[in-house]
């Protein structure tokens, strides 16, 4: 069975085409839960009206099945709580690319 880190690495191949960053570093993957041969992924979008949402969601089970054939079921659960906030959820590299700086940096 793959580790959660191995799954995250493969999910990094899924890129939001609108802003050209991967979904893991953007902070769109809220949770990865692996139990036996079943995988559940809590996932959100940058906005509820994201035009690429269905495409991104459909890519997740595809990437998992192509890379981890031992995982029999992949359930992607679209969640909205908490609302996605790149200042809190994106990686430091993404924040730098987007020009986002933590408010705490001013202190």
PDB file of N, CA and C in Angstrom:
ATOM      1  N   UNK A   1       0.835  -1.193   0.000  1.00  0.00           N
ATOM      2  CA  UNK A   1       0.000   0.000   0.000  1.00  0.00           C
ATOM      3  C   UNK A   1       0.875   1.251   0.000  1.00  0.00           C
ATOM      4  N   UNK A   2       0.458   2.258  -0.747  1.00  0.00           N
ATOM      5  CA  UNK A   2       1.248   3.499  -0.757  1.00  0.00           C
ATOM      6  C   UNK A   2       1.070   4.270   0.545  1.00  0.00           C
ATOM      7  N   UNK A   3       2.006   5.149   0.802  1.00  0.00           N
ATOM      8  CA  UNK A   3       1.892   6.039   1.951  1.00  0.00           C
ATOM      9  C   UNK A   3       1.102   7.285   1.536  1.00  0.00           C
ATOM     10  N   UNK A   4       0.671   8.037   2.526  1.00  0.00           N
ATOM     11  CA  UNK A   4      -0.029   9.297   2.255  1.00  0.00           C
ATOM     12  C   UNK A   4       0.896  10.238   1.488  1.00  0.00           C
ATOM     13  N   UNK A   5       2.176  10.260   1.838  1.00  0.00           N
ATOM     14  CA  UNK A   5       3.141  11.123   1.136  1.00  0.00           C
ATOM     15  C   UNK A   5       3.286  10.714  -0.332  1.00  0.00           C
ATOM     16  N   UNK A   6       3.296   9.425  -0.611  1.00  0.00           N
ATOM     17  CA  UNK A   6       3.382   8.964  -2.002  1.00  0.00           C
ATOM     18  C   UNK A   6       2.139   9.373  -2.787  1.00  0.00           C
ATOM     19  N   UNK A   7       0.994   9.299  -2.141  1.00  0.00           N
ATOM     20  CA  UNK A   7      -0.246   9.724  -2.792  1.00  0.00           C
ATOM     21  C   UNK A   7      -0.199  11.224  -3.075  1.00  0.00           C
ATOM     22  N   UNK A   8       0.245  12.007  -2.102  1.00  0.00           N
ATOM     23  CA  UNK A   8       0.364  13.466  -2.296  1.00  0.00           C
ATOM     24  C   UNK A   8       1.274  13.787  -3.471  1.00  0.00           C
ATOM     25  N   UNK A   9       2.389  13.087  -3.557  1.00  0.00           N
ATOM     26  CA  UNK A   9       3.335  13.343  -4.655  1.00  0.00           C
ATOM     27  C   UNK A   9       2.686  13.118  -6.014  1.00  0.00           C
ATOM     28  N   UNK A  10       1.896  12.069  -6.131  1.00  0.00           N
ATOM     29  CA  UNK A  10       1.220  11.803  -7.409  1.00  0.00           C
ATOM     30  C   UNK A  10       0.120  12.823  -7.670  1.00  0.00           C
ATOM     31  N   UNK A  11      -0.561  13.271  -6.613  1.00  0.00           N
ATOM     32  CA  UNK A  11      -1.595  14.292  -6.790  1.00  0.00           C
ATOM     33  C   UNK A  11      -1.005  15.627  -7.249  1.00  0.00           C
ATOM     34  N   UNK A  12       0.276  15.829  -6.979  1.00  0.00           N
ATOM     35  CA  UNK A  12       0.935  17.060  -7.427  1.00  0.00           C
ATOM     36  C   UNK A  12       1.028  17.145  -8.950  1.00  0.00           C
ATOM     37  N   UNK A  13       0.748  16.050  -9.641  1.00  0.00           N
ATOM     38  CA  UNK A  13       0.757  16.096 -11.110  1.00  0.00           C
ATOM     39  C   UNK A  13      -0.522  16.722 -11.656  1.00  0.00           C
ATOM     40  N   UNK A  14      -1.503  16.943 -10.788  1.00  0.00           N
ATOM     41  CA  UNK A  14      -2.759  17.577 -11.198  1.00  0.00           C
ATOM     42  C   UNK A  14      -2.606  19.081 -11.001  1.00  0.00           C
ATOM     43  N   UNK A  15      -2.704  19.800 -12.098  1.00  0.00           N
ATOM     44  CA  UNK A  15      -2.460  21.246 -12.094  1.00  0.00           C
ATOM     45  C   UNK A  15      -3.752  21.984 -12.427  1.00  0.00           C
ATOM     46  N   UNK A  16      -4.032  23.003 -11.636  1.00  0.00           N
ATOM     47  CA  UNK A  16      -5.159  23.886 -11.933  1.00  0.00           C
ATOM     48  C   UNK A  16      -4.749  24.713 -13.157  1.00  0.00           C
ATOM     49  N   UNK A  17      -5.372  24.482 -14.310  1.00  0.00           N
ATOM     50  CA  UNK A  17      -4.926  25.157 -15.535  1.00  0.00           C
ATOM     51  C   UNK A  17      -5.151  26.666 -15.538  1.00  0.00           C
ATOM     52  N   UNK A  18      -6.032  27.134 -14.680  1.00  0.00           N
ATOM     53  CA  UNK A  18      -6.310  28.569 -14.649  1.00  0.00           C
ATOM     54  C   UNK A  18      -5.159  29.354 -14.025  1.00  0.00           C
ATOM     55  N   UNK A  19      -4.522  28.781 -12.995  1.00  0.00           N
ATOM     56  CA  UNK A  19      -3.424  29.490 -12.341  1.00  0.00           C
ATOM     57  C   UNK A  19      -2.101  28.734 -12.421  1.00  0.00           C
ATOM     58  N   UNK A  20      -2.139  27.556 -13.015  1.00  0.00           N
ATOM     59  CA  UNK A  20      -0.938  26.776 -13.341  1.00  0.00           C
ATOM     60  C   UNK A  20      -0.111  26.343 -12.121  1.00  0.00           C
ATOM     61  N   UNK A  21      -0.800  25.965 -11.046  1.00  0.00           N
ATOM     62  CA  UNK A  21      -0.146  25.403  -9.866  1.00  0.00           C
ATOM     63  C   UNK A  21      -0.832  24.086  -9.522  1.00  0.00           C
ATOM     64  N   UNK A  22      -0.078  23.172  -8.888  1.00  0.00           N
ATOM     65  CA  UNK A  22      -0.682  21.878  -8.569  1.00  0.00           C
ATOM     66  C   UNK A  22      -1.621  21.995  -7.366  1.00  0.00           C
ATOM     67  N   UNK A  23      -2.567  21.053  -7.312  1.00  0.00           N
ATOM     68  CA  UNK A  23      -3.637  21.117  -6.321  1.00  0.00           C
ATOM     69  C   UNK A  23      -3.151  20.892  -4.889  1.00  0.00           C
ATOM     70  N   UNK A  24      -2.059  20.154  -4.714  1.00  0.00           N
ATOM     71  CA  UNK A  24      -1.537  19.921  -3.366  1.00  0.00           C
ATOM     72  C   UNK A  24      -0.898  21.189  -2.823  1.00  0.00           C
ATOM     73  N   UNK A  25      -0.001  21.796  -3.588  1.00  0.00           N
ATOM     74  CA  UNK A  25       0.670  23.007  -3.123  1.00  0.00           C
ATOM     75  C   UNK A  25      -0.286  24.190  -2.990  1.00  0.00           C
ATOM     76  N   UNK A  26      -1.364  24.169  -3.763  1.00  0.00           N
ATOM     77  CA  UNK A  26      -2.382  25.215  -3.604  1.00  0.00           C
ATOM     78  C   UNK A  26      -3.159  25.046  -2.308  1.00  0.00           C
ATOM     79  N   UNK A  27      -3.102  23.869  -1.728  1.00  0.00           N
ATOM     80  CA  UNK A  27      -3.839  23.615  -0.490  1.00  0.00           C
ATOM     81  C   UNK A  27      -5.266  23.172  -0.723  1.00  0.00           C
ATOM     82  N   UNK A  28      -5.546  22.644  -1.916  1.00  0.00           N
ATOM     83  CA  UNK A  28      -6.902  22.211  -2.239  1.00  0.00           C
ATOM     84  C   UNK A  28      -7.217  20.809  -1.720  1.00  0.00           C
ATOM     85  N   UNK A  29      -6.191  20.048  -1.375  1.00  0.00           N
ATOM     86  CA  UNK A  29      -6.390  18.709  -0.801  1.00  0.00           C
ATOM     87  C   UNK A  29      -6.441  18.884   0.713  1.00  0.00           C
ATOM     88  N   UNK A  30      -7.618  18.725   1.275  1.00  0.00           N
ATOM     89  CA  UNK A  30      -7.810  18.934   2.711  1.00  0.00           C
ATOM     90  C   UNK A  30      -7.492  17.699   3.528  1.00  0.00           C
ATOM     91  N   UNK A  31      -7.683  16.527   2.949  1.00  0.00           N
ATOM     92  CA  UNK A  31      -7.423  15.309   3.709  1.00  0.00           C
ATOM     93  C   UNK A  31      -7.304  14.107   2.806  1.00  0.00           C
ATOM     94  N   UNK A  32      -6.452  13.170   3.195  1.00  0.00           N
ATOM     95  CA  UNK A  32      -6.273  11.911   2.481  1.00  0.00           C
ATOM     96  C   UNK A  32      -6.403  10.808   3.516  1.00  0.00           C
ATOM     97  N   UNK A  33      -7.351   9.902   3.286  1.00  0.00           N
ATOM     98  CA  UNK A  33      -7.632   8.837   4.242  1.00  0.00           C
ATOM     99  C   UNK A  33      -7.587   7.500   3.513  1.00  0.00           C
ATOM    100  N   UNK A  34      -6.651   6.659   3.905  1.00  0.00           N
ATOM    101  CA  UNK A  34      -6.470   5.360   3.264  1.00  0.00           C
ATOM    102  C   UNK A  34      -6.787   4.267   4.275  1.00  0.00           C
ATOM    103  N   UNK A  35      -7.759   3.440   3.932  1.00  0.00           N
ATOM    104  CA  UNK A  35      -8.132   2.326   4.785  1.00  0.00           C
ATOM    105  C   UNK A  35      -8.264   1.092   3.904  1.00  0.00           C
ATOM    106  N   UNK A  36      -7.372   0.149   4.138  1.00  0.00           N
ATOM    107  CA  UNK A  36      -7.274  -1.056   3.319  1.00  0.00           C
ATOM    108  C   UNK A  36      -7.107  -0.647   1.862  1.00  0.00           C
ATOM    109  N   UNK A  37      -8.028  -1.027   0.990  1.00  0.00           N
ATOM    110  CA  UNK A  37      -7.895  -0.712  -0.443  1.00  0.00           C
ATOM    111  C   UNK A  37      -8.758   0.474  -0.858  1.00  0.00           C
ATOM    112  N   UNK A  38      -9.223   1.242   0.112  1.00  0.00           N
ATOM    113  CA  UNK A  38     -10.127   2.345  -0.163  1.00  0.00           C
ATOM    114  C   UNK A  38      -9.483   3.674   0.215  1.00  0.00           C
ATOM    115  N   UNK A  39      -9.633   4.632  -0.682  1.00  0.00           N
ATOM    116  CA  UNK A  39      -9.045   5.943  -0.483  1.00  0.00           C
ATOM    117  C   UNK A  39     -10.156   6.989  -0.511  1.00  0.00           C
ATOM    118  N   UNK A  40     -10.121   7.885   0.463  1.00  0.00           N
ATOM    119  CA  UNK A  40     -11.037   9.026   0.477  1.00  0.00           C
ATOM    120  C   UNK A  40     -10.180  10.279   0.491  1.00  0.00           C
ATOM    121  N   UNK A  41     -10.549  11.211  -0.360  1.00  0.00           N
ATOM    122  CA  UNK A  41      -9.822  12.474  -0.444  1.00  0.00           C
ATOM    123  C   UNK A  41     -10.818  13.616  -0.290  1.00  0.00           C
ATOM    124  N   UNK A  42     -10.585  14.453   0.714  1.00  0.00           N
ATOM    125  CA  UNK A  42     -11.371  15.676   0.876  1.00  0.00           C
ATOM    126  C   UNK A  42     -10.683  16.744   0.044  1.00  0.00           C
ATOM    127  N   UNK A  43     -11.444  17.351  -0.844  1.00  0.00           N
ATOM    128  CA  UNK A  43     -10.898  18.254  -1.848  1.00  0.00           C
ATOM    129  C   UNK A  43     -11.796  19.470  -1.971  1.00  0.00           C
ATOM    130  N   UNK A  44     -11.202  20.611  -2.217  1.00  0.00           N
ATOM    131  CA  UNK A  44     -11.985  21.814  -2.447  1.00  0.00           C
ATOM    132  C   UNK A  44     -11.517  22.484  -3.728  1.00  0.00           C
ATOM    133  N   UNK A  45     -12.146  23.566  -4.065  1.00  0.00           N
ATOM    134  CA  UNK A  45     -11.790  24.344  -5.256  1.00  0.00           C
ATOM    135  C   UNK A  45     -11.473  25.769  -4.824  1.00  0.00           C
ATOM    136  N   UNK A  46     -10.799  26.500  -5.679  1.00  0.00           N
ATOM    137  CA  UNK A  46     -10.459  27.883  -5.342  1.00  0.00           C
ATOM    138  C   UNK A  46     -11.711  28.739  -5.206  1.00  0.00           C
ATOM    139  N   UNK A  47     -12.768  28.357  -5.908  1.00  0.00           N
ATOM    140  CA  UNK A  47     -14.051  29.048  -5.852  1.00  0.00           C
ATOM    141  C   UNK A  47     -15.150  28.049  -6.212  1.00  0.00           C
ATOM    142  N   UNK A  48     -16.348  28.200  -5.656  1.00  0.00           N
ATOM    143  CA  UNK A  48     -17.423  27.280  -6.025  1.00  0.00           C
ATOM    144  C   UNK A  48     -17.765  27.311  -7.514  1.00  0.00           C
ATOM    145  N   UNK A  49     -17.396  28.369  -8.180  1.00  0.00           N
ATOM    146  CA  UNK A  49     -17.717  28.516  -9.605  1.00  0.00           C
ATOM    147  C   UNK A  49     -16.525  28.219 -10.502  1.00  0.00           C
ATOM    148  N   UNK A  50     -15.536  27.531  -9.978  1.00  0.00           N
ATOM    149  CA  UNK A  50     -14.334  27.206 -10.750  1.00  0.00           C
ATOM    150  C   UNK A  50     -14.725  26.444 -12.014  1.00  0.00           C
ATOM    151  N   UNK A  51     -14.422  26.995 -13.185  1.00  0.00           N
ATOM    152  CA  UNK A  51     -14.815  26.324 -14.422  1.00  0.00           C
ATOM    153  C   UNK A  51     -14.083  24.997 -14.644  1.00  0.00           C
ATOM    154  N   UNK A  52     -12.958  24.800 -13.979  1.00  0.00           N
ATOM    155  CA  UNK A  52     -12.190  23.573 -14.145  1.00  0.00           C
ATOM    156  C   UNK A  52     -12.472  22.557 -13.047  1.00  0.00           C
ATOM    157  N   UNK A  53     -13.379  22.873 -12.134  1.00  0.00           N
ATOM    158  CA  UNK A  53     -13.686  21.988 -11.016  1.00  0.00           C
ATOM    159  C   UNK A  53     -13.976  20.550 -11.417  1.00  0.00           C
ATOM    160  N   UNK A  54     -14.931  20.328 -12.316  1.00  0.00           N
ATOM    161  CA  UNK A  54     -15.225  18.944 -12.706  1.00  0.00           C
ATOM    162  C   UNK A  54     -14.014  18.227 -13.305  1.00  0.00           C
ATOM    163  N   UNK A  55     -13.223  18.942 -14.059  1.00  0.00           N
ATOM    164  CA  UNK A  55     -12.012  18.366 -14.663  1.00  0.00           C
ATOM    165  C   UNK A  55     -11.007  17.969 -13.581  1.00  0.00           C
ATOM    166  N   UNK A  56     -10.777  18.850 -12.618  1.00  0.00           N
ATOM    167  CA  UNK A  56      -9.823  18.556 -11.545  1.00  0.00           C
ATOM    168  C   UNK A  56     -10.287  17.365 -10.719  1.00  0.00           C
ATOM    169  N   UNK A  57     -11.562  17.351 -10.365  1.00  0.00           N
ATOM    170  CA  UNK A  57     -12.110  16.260  -9.561  1.00  0.00           C
ATOM    171  C   UNK A  57     -11.990  14.930 -10.303  1.00  0.00           C
ATOM    172  N   UNK A  58     -12.266  14.925 -11.607  1.00  0.00           N
ATOM    173  CA  UNK A  58     -12.190  13.691 -12.401  1.00  0.00           C
ATOM    174  C   UNK A  58     -10.756  13.177 -12.527  1.00  0.00           C
ATOM    175  N   UNK A  59      -9.792  14.066 -12.465  1.00  0.00           N
ATOM    176  CA  UNK A  59      -8.393  13.645 -12.594  1.00  0.00           C
ATOM    177  C   UNK A  59      -7.897  12.865 -11.383  1.00  0.00           C
ATOM    178  N   UNK A  60      -8.459  13.121 -10.213  1.00  0.00           N
ATOM    179  CA  UNK A  60      -7.946  12.492  -8.994  1.00  0.00           C
ATOM    180  C   UNK A  60      -8.039  10.972  -9.049  1.00  0.00           C
ATOM    181  N   UNK A  61      -9.229  10.374  -9.277  1.00  0.00           N
ATOM    182  CA  UNK A  61      -9.271   8.908  -9.333  1.00  0.00           C
ATOM    183  C   UNK A  61      -8.431   8.334 -10.471  1.00  0.00           C
ATOM    184  N   UNK A  62      -8.334   9.082 -11.562  1.00  0.00           N
ATOM    185  CA  UNK A  62      -7.524   8.620 -12.696  1.00  0.00           C
ATOM    186  C   UNK A  62      -6.051   8.518 -12.304  1.00  0.00           C
ATOM    187  N   UNK A  63      -5.525   9.560 -11.680  1.00  0.00           N
ATOM    188  CA  UNK A  63      -4.122   9.555 -11.249  1.00  0.00           C
ATOM    189  C   UNK A  63      -3.872   8.437 -10.235  1.00  0.00           C
ATOM    190  N   UNK A  64      -4.811   8.256  -9.321  1.00  0.00           N
ATOM    191  CA  UNK A  64      -4.653   7.217  -8.299  1.00  0.00           C
ATOM    192  C   UNK A  64      -4.657   5.836  -8.941  1.00  0.00           C
ATOM    193  N   UNK A  65      -5.614   5.555  -9.806  1.00  0.00           N
ATOM    194  CA  UNK A  65      -5.697   4.212 -10.405  1.00  0.00           C
ATOM    195  C   UNK A  65      -4.503   3.918 -11.307  1.00  0.00           C
ATOM    196  N   UNK A  66      -3.991   4.929 -11.991  1.00  0.00           N
ATOM    197  CA  UNK A  66      -2.822   4.724 -12.860  1.00  0.00           C
ATOM    198  C   UNK A  66      -1.550   4.447 -12.068  1.00  0.00           C
ATOM    199  N   UNK A  67      -1.447   4.995 -10.879  1.00  0.00           N
ATOM    200  CA  UNK A  67      -0.220   4.881 -10.097  1.00  0.00           C
ATOM    201  C   UNK A  67      -0.282   3.878  -8.958  1.00  0.00           C
ATOM    202  N   UNK A  68      -1.488   3.594  -8.499  1.00  0.00           N
ATOM    203  CA  UNK A  68      -1.650   2.689  -7.361  1.00  0.00           C
ATOM    204  C   UNK A  68      -2.763   1.686  -7.651  1.00  0.00           C
ATOM    205  N   UNK A  69      -2.503   0.696  -8.478  1.00  0.00           N
ATOM    206  CA  UNK A  69      -3.557  -0.263  -8.839  1.00  0.00           C
ATOM    207  C   UNK A  69      -4.099  -1.052  -7.645  1.00  0.00           C
ATOM    208  N   UNK A  70      -3.351  -1.084  -6.553  1.00  0.00           N
ATOM    209  CA  UNK A  70      -3.820  -1.804  -5.371  1.00  0.00           C
ATOM    210  C   UNK A  70      -4.966  -1.073  -4.659  1.00  0.00           C
ATOM    211  N   UNK A  71      -5.159   0.201  -4.964  1.00  0.00           N
ATOM    212  CA  UNK A  71      -6.283   0.948  -4.396  1.00  0.00           C
ATOM    213  C   UNK A  71      -7.495   0.686  -5.285  1.00  0.00           C
ATOM    214  N   UNK A  72      -8.500   0.069  -4.694  1.00  0.00           N
ATOM    215  CA  UNK A  72      -9.669  -0.352  -5.457  1.00  0.00           C
ATOM    216  C   UNK A  72     -10.699   0.758  -5.643  1.00  0.00           C
ATOM    217  N   UNK A  73     -10.855   1.614  -4.645  1.00  0.00           N
ATOM    218  CA  UNK A  73     -11.871   2.663  -4.698  1.00  0.00           C
ATOM    219  C   UNK A  73     -11.265   3.995  -4.279  1.00  0.00           C
ATOM    220  N   UNK A  74     -11.565   5.025  -5.059  1.00  0.00           N
ATOM    221  CA  UNK A  74     -11.161   6.374  -4.698  1.00  0.00           C
ATOM    222  C   UNK A  74     -12.404   7.240  -4.667  1.00  0.00           C
ATOM    223  N   UNK A  75     -12.692   7.777  -3.507  1.00  0.00           N
ATOM    224  CA  UNK A  75     -13.858   8.629  -3.307  1.00  0.00           C
ATOM    225  C   UNK A  75     -13.366  10.057  -3.086  1.00  0.00           C
ATOM    226  N   UNK A  76     -13.705  10.949  -4.003  1.00  0.00           N
ATOM    227  CA  UNK A  76     -13.333  12.353  -3.864  1.00  0.00           C
ATOM    228  C   UNK A  76     -14.538  13.086  -3.289  1.00  0.00           C
ATOM    229  N   UNK A  77     -14.340  13.637  -2.102  1.00  0.00           N
ATOM    230  CA  UNK A  77     -15.424  14.357  -1.435  1.00  0.00           C
ATOM    231  C   UNK A  77     -15.155  15.853  -1.561  1.00  0.00           C
ATOM    232  N   UNK A  78     -16.024  16.535  -2.283  1.00  0.00           N
ATOM    233  CA  UNK A  78     -15.890  17.978  -2.461  1.00  0.00           C
ATOM    234  C   UNK A  78     -16.395  18.668  -1.197  1.00  0.00           C
ATOM    235  N   UNK A  79     -15.522  19.433  -0.565  1.00  0.00           N
ATOM    236  CA  UNK A  79     -15.871  20.105   0.691  1.00  0.00           C
ATOM    237  C   UNK A  79     -15.666  21.613   0.543  1.00  0.00           C
ATOM    238  N   UNK A  80     -16.429  22.362   1.323  1.00  0.00           N
ATOM    239  CA  UNK A  80     -16.346  23.824   1.264  1.00  0.00           C
ATOM    240  C   UNK A  80     -15.977  24.447   2.592  1.00  0.00           C
ATOM    241  N   UNK A  81     -15.861  23.636   3.621  1.00  0.00           N
ATOM    242  CA  UNK A  81     -15.532  24.142   4.951  1.00  0.00           C
ATOM    243  C   UNK A  81     -14.245  23.492   5.401  1.00  0.00           C
ATOM    244  N   UNK A  82     -13.247  24.263   5.728  1.00  0.00           N
ATOM    245  CA  UNK A  82     -13.226  25.723   5.676  1.00  0.00           C
ATOM    246  C   UNK A  82     -13.072  26.211   4.234  1.00  0.00           C
ATOM    247  N   UNK A  83     -13.499  27.429   4.006  1.00  0.00           N
ATOM    248  CA  UNK A  83     -13.339  28.027   2.674  1.00  0.00           C
ATOM    249  C   UNK A  83     -11.846  28.132   2.357  1.00  0.00           C
ATOM    250  N   UNK A  84     -11.500  27.880   1.112  1.00  0.00           N
ATOM    251  CA  UNK A  84     -10.097  27.924   0.706  1.00  0.00           C
ATOM    252  C   UNK A  84      -9.573  29.348   0.824  1.00  0.00           C
ATOM    253  N   UNK A  85      -8.422  29.472   1.428  1.00  0.00           N
ATOM    254  CA  UNK A  85      -7.763  30.765   1.602  1.00  0.00           C
ATOM    255  C   UNK A  85      -6.279  30.553   1.312  1.00  0.00           C
ATOM    256  N   UNK A  86      -5.775  31.057   0.197  1.00  0.00           N
ATOM    257  CA  UNK A  86      -4.377  30.803  -0.156  1.00  0.00           C
ATOM    258  C   UNK A  86      -3.392  31.341   0.870  1.00  0.00           C
ATOM    259  N   UNK A  87      -3.788  32.368   1.633  1.00  0.00           N
ATOM    260  CA  UNK A  87      -2.883  32.911   2.655  1.00  0.00           C
ATOM    261  C   UNK A  87      -2.615  31.908   3.766  1.00  0.00           C
ATOM    262  N   UNK A  88      -3.548  30.976   3.971  1.00  0.00           N
ATOM    263  CA  UNK A  88      -3.403  29.989   5.040  1.00  0.00           C
ATOM    264  C   UNK A  88      -3.122  28.584   4.520  1.00  0.00           C
ATOM    265  N   UNK A  89      -3.554  28.272   3.299  1.00  0.00           N
ATOM    266  CA  UNK A  89      -3.537  26.891   2.840  1.00  0.00           C
ATOM    267  C   UNK A  89      -2.502  26.590   1.766  1.00  0.00           C
ATOM    268  N   UNK A  90      -2.074  27.574   1.038  1.00  0.00           N
ATOM    269  CA  UNK A  90      -1.097  27.343  -0.025  1.00  0.00           C
ATOM    270  C   UNK A  90       0.305  27.191   0.568  1.00  0.00           C
ATOM    271  N   UNK A  91       1.144  26.502  -0.167  1.00  0.00           N
ATOM    272  CA  UNK A  91       2.534  26.337   0.265  1.00  0.00           C
ATOM    273  C   UNK A  91       3.254  27.683   0.207  1.00  0.00           C
ATOM    274  N   UNK A  92       4.373  27.777   0.884  1.00  0.00           N
ATOM    275  CA  UNK A  92       5.155  29.014   0.871  1.00  0.00           C
ATOM    276  C   UNK A  92       5.592  29.380  -0.539  1.00  0.00           C
ATOM    277  N   UNK A  93       5.931  28.375  -1.344  1.00  0.00           N
ATOM    278  CA  UNK A  93       6.351  28.631  -2.727  1.00  0.00           C
ATOM    279  C   UNK A  93       5.225  29.261  -3.537  1.00  0.00           C
ATOM    280  N   UNK A  94       4.014  28.754  -3.349  1.00  0.00           N
ATOM    281  CA  UNK A  94       2.866  29.308  -4.064  1.00  0.00           C
ATOM    282  C   UNK A  94       2.580  30.732  -3.583  1.00  0.00           C
ATOM    283  N   UNK A  95       2.657  30.955  -2.281  1.00  0.00           N
ATOM    284  CA  UNK A  95       2.437  32.308  -1.753  1.00  0.00           C
ATOM    285  C   UNK A  95       3.421  33.290  -2.369  1.00  0.00           C
ATOM    286  N   UNK A  96       4.668  32.886  -2.488  1.00  0.00           N
ATOM    287  CA  UNK A  96       5.673  33.771  -3.100  1.00  0.00           C
ATOM    288  C   UNK A  96       5.325  34.045  -4.561  1.00  0.00           C
ATOM    289  N   UNK A  97       4.935  33.007  -5.286  1.00  0.00           N
ATOM    290  CA  UNK A  97       4.580  33.170  -6.707  1.00  0.00           C
ATOM    291  C   UNK A  97       3.384  34.105  -6.875  1.00  0.00           C
ATOM    292  N   UNK A  98       2.424  33.992  -5.943  1.00  0.00           N
ATOM    293  CA  UNK A  98       1.218  34.804  -6.030  1.00  0.00           C
ATOM    294  C   UNK A  98       1.377  36.175  -5.383  1.00  0.00           C
ATOM    295  N   UNK A  99       2.516  36.400  -4.719  1.00  0.00           N
ATOM    296  CA  UNK A  99       2.741  37.677  -4.058  1.00  0.00           C
ATOM    297  C   UNK A  99       1.926  37.836  -2.792  1.00  0.00           C
ATOM    298  N   UNK A 100       1.656  36.706  -2.136  1.00  0.00           N
ATOM    299  CA  UNK A 100       0.874  36.723  -0.890  1.00  0.00           C
ATOM    300  C   UNK A 100       1.842  36.637   0.277  1.00  0.00           C
ATOM    301  N   UNK A 101       1.671  37.524   1.221  1.00  0.00           N
ATOM    302  CA  UNK A 101       2.514  37.533   2.392  1.00  0.00           C
ATOM    303  C   UNK A 101       1.638  37.466   3.629  1.00  0.00           C
ATOM    304  N   UNK A 102       2.064  36.721   4.628  1.00  0.00           N
ATOM    305  CA  UNK A 102       1.299  36.601   5.875  1.00  0.00           C
ATOM    306  C   UNK A 102       1.256  37.955   6.568  1.00  0.00           C
ATOM    307  N   UNK A 103       0.100  38.249   7.184  1.00  0.00           N
ATOM    308  CA  UNK A 103      -0.039  39.484   7.955  1.00  0.00           C
ATOM    309  C   UNK A 103       0.942  39.507   9.123  1.00  0.00           C
ATOM    310  N   UNK A 104       1.303  38.331   9.634  1.00  0.00           N
ATOM    311  CA  UNK A 104       2.209  38.238  10.770  1.00  0.00           C
ATOM    312  C   UNK A 104       3.626  38.701  10.415  1.00  0.00           C
ATOM    313  N   UNK A 105       3.949  38.746   9.126  1.00  0.00           N
ATOM    314  CA  UNK A 105       5.285  39.151   8.699  1.00  0.00           C
ATOM    315  C   UNK A 105       5.565  40.622   8.987  1.00  0.00           C
ATOM    316  N   UNK A 106       4.508  41.400   9.174  1.00  0.00           N
ATOM    317  CA  UNK A 106       4.679  42.840   9.399  1.00  0.00           C
ATOM    318  C   UNK A 106       5.082  43.161  10.838  1.00  0.00           C
ATOM    319  N   UNK A 107       4.926  42.198  11.718  1.00  0.00           N
ATOM    320  CA  UNK A 107       5.197  42.457  13.136  1.00  0.00           C
ATOM    321  C   UNK A 107       6.665  42.395  13.449  1.00  0.00           C
TER     322      UNK A 107
END
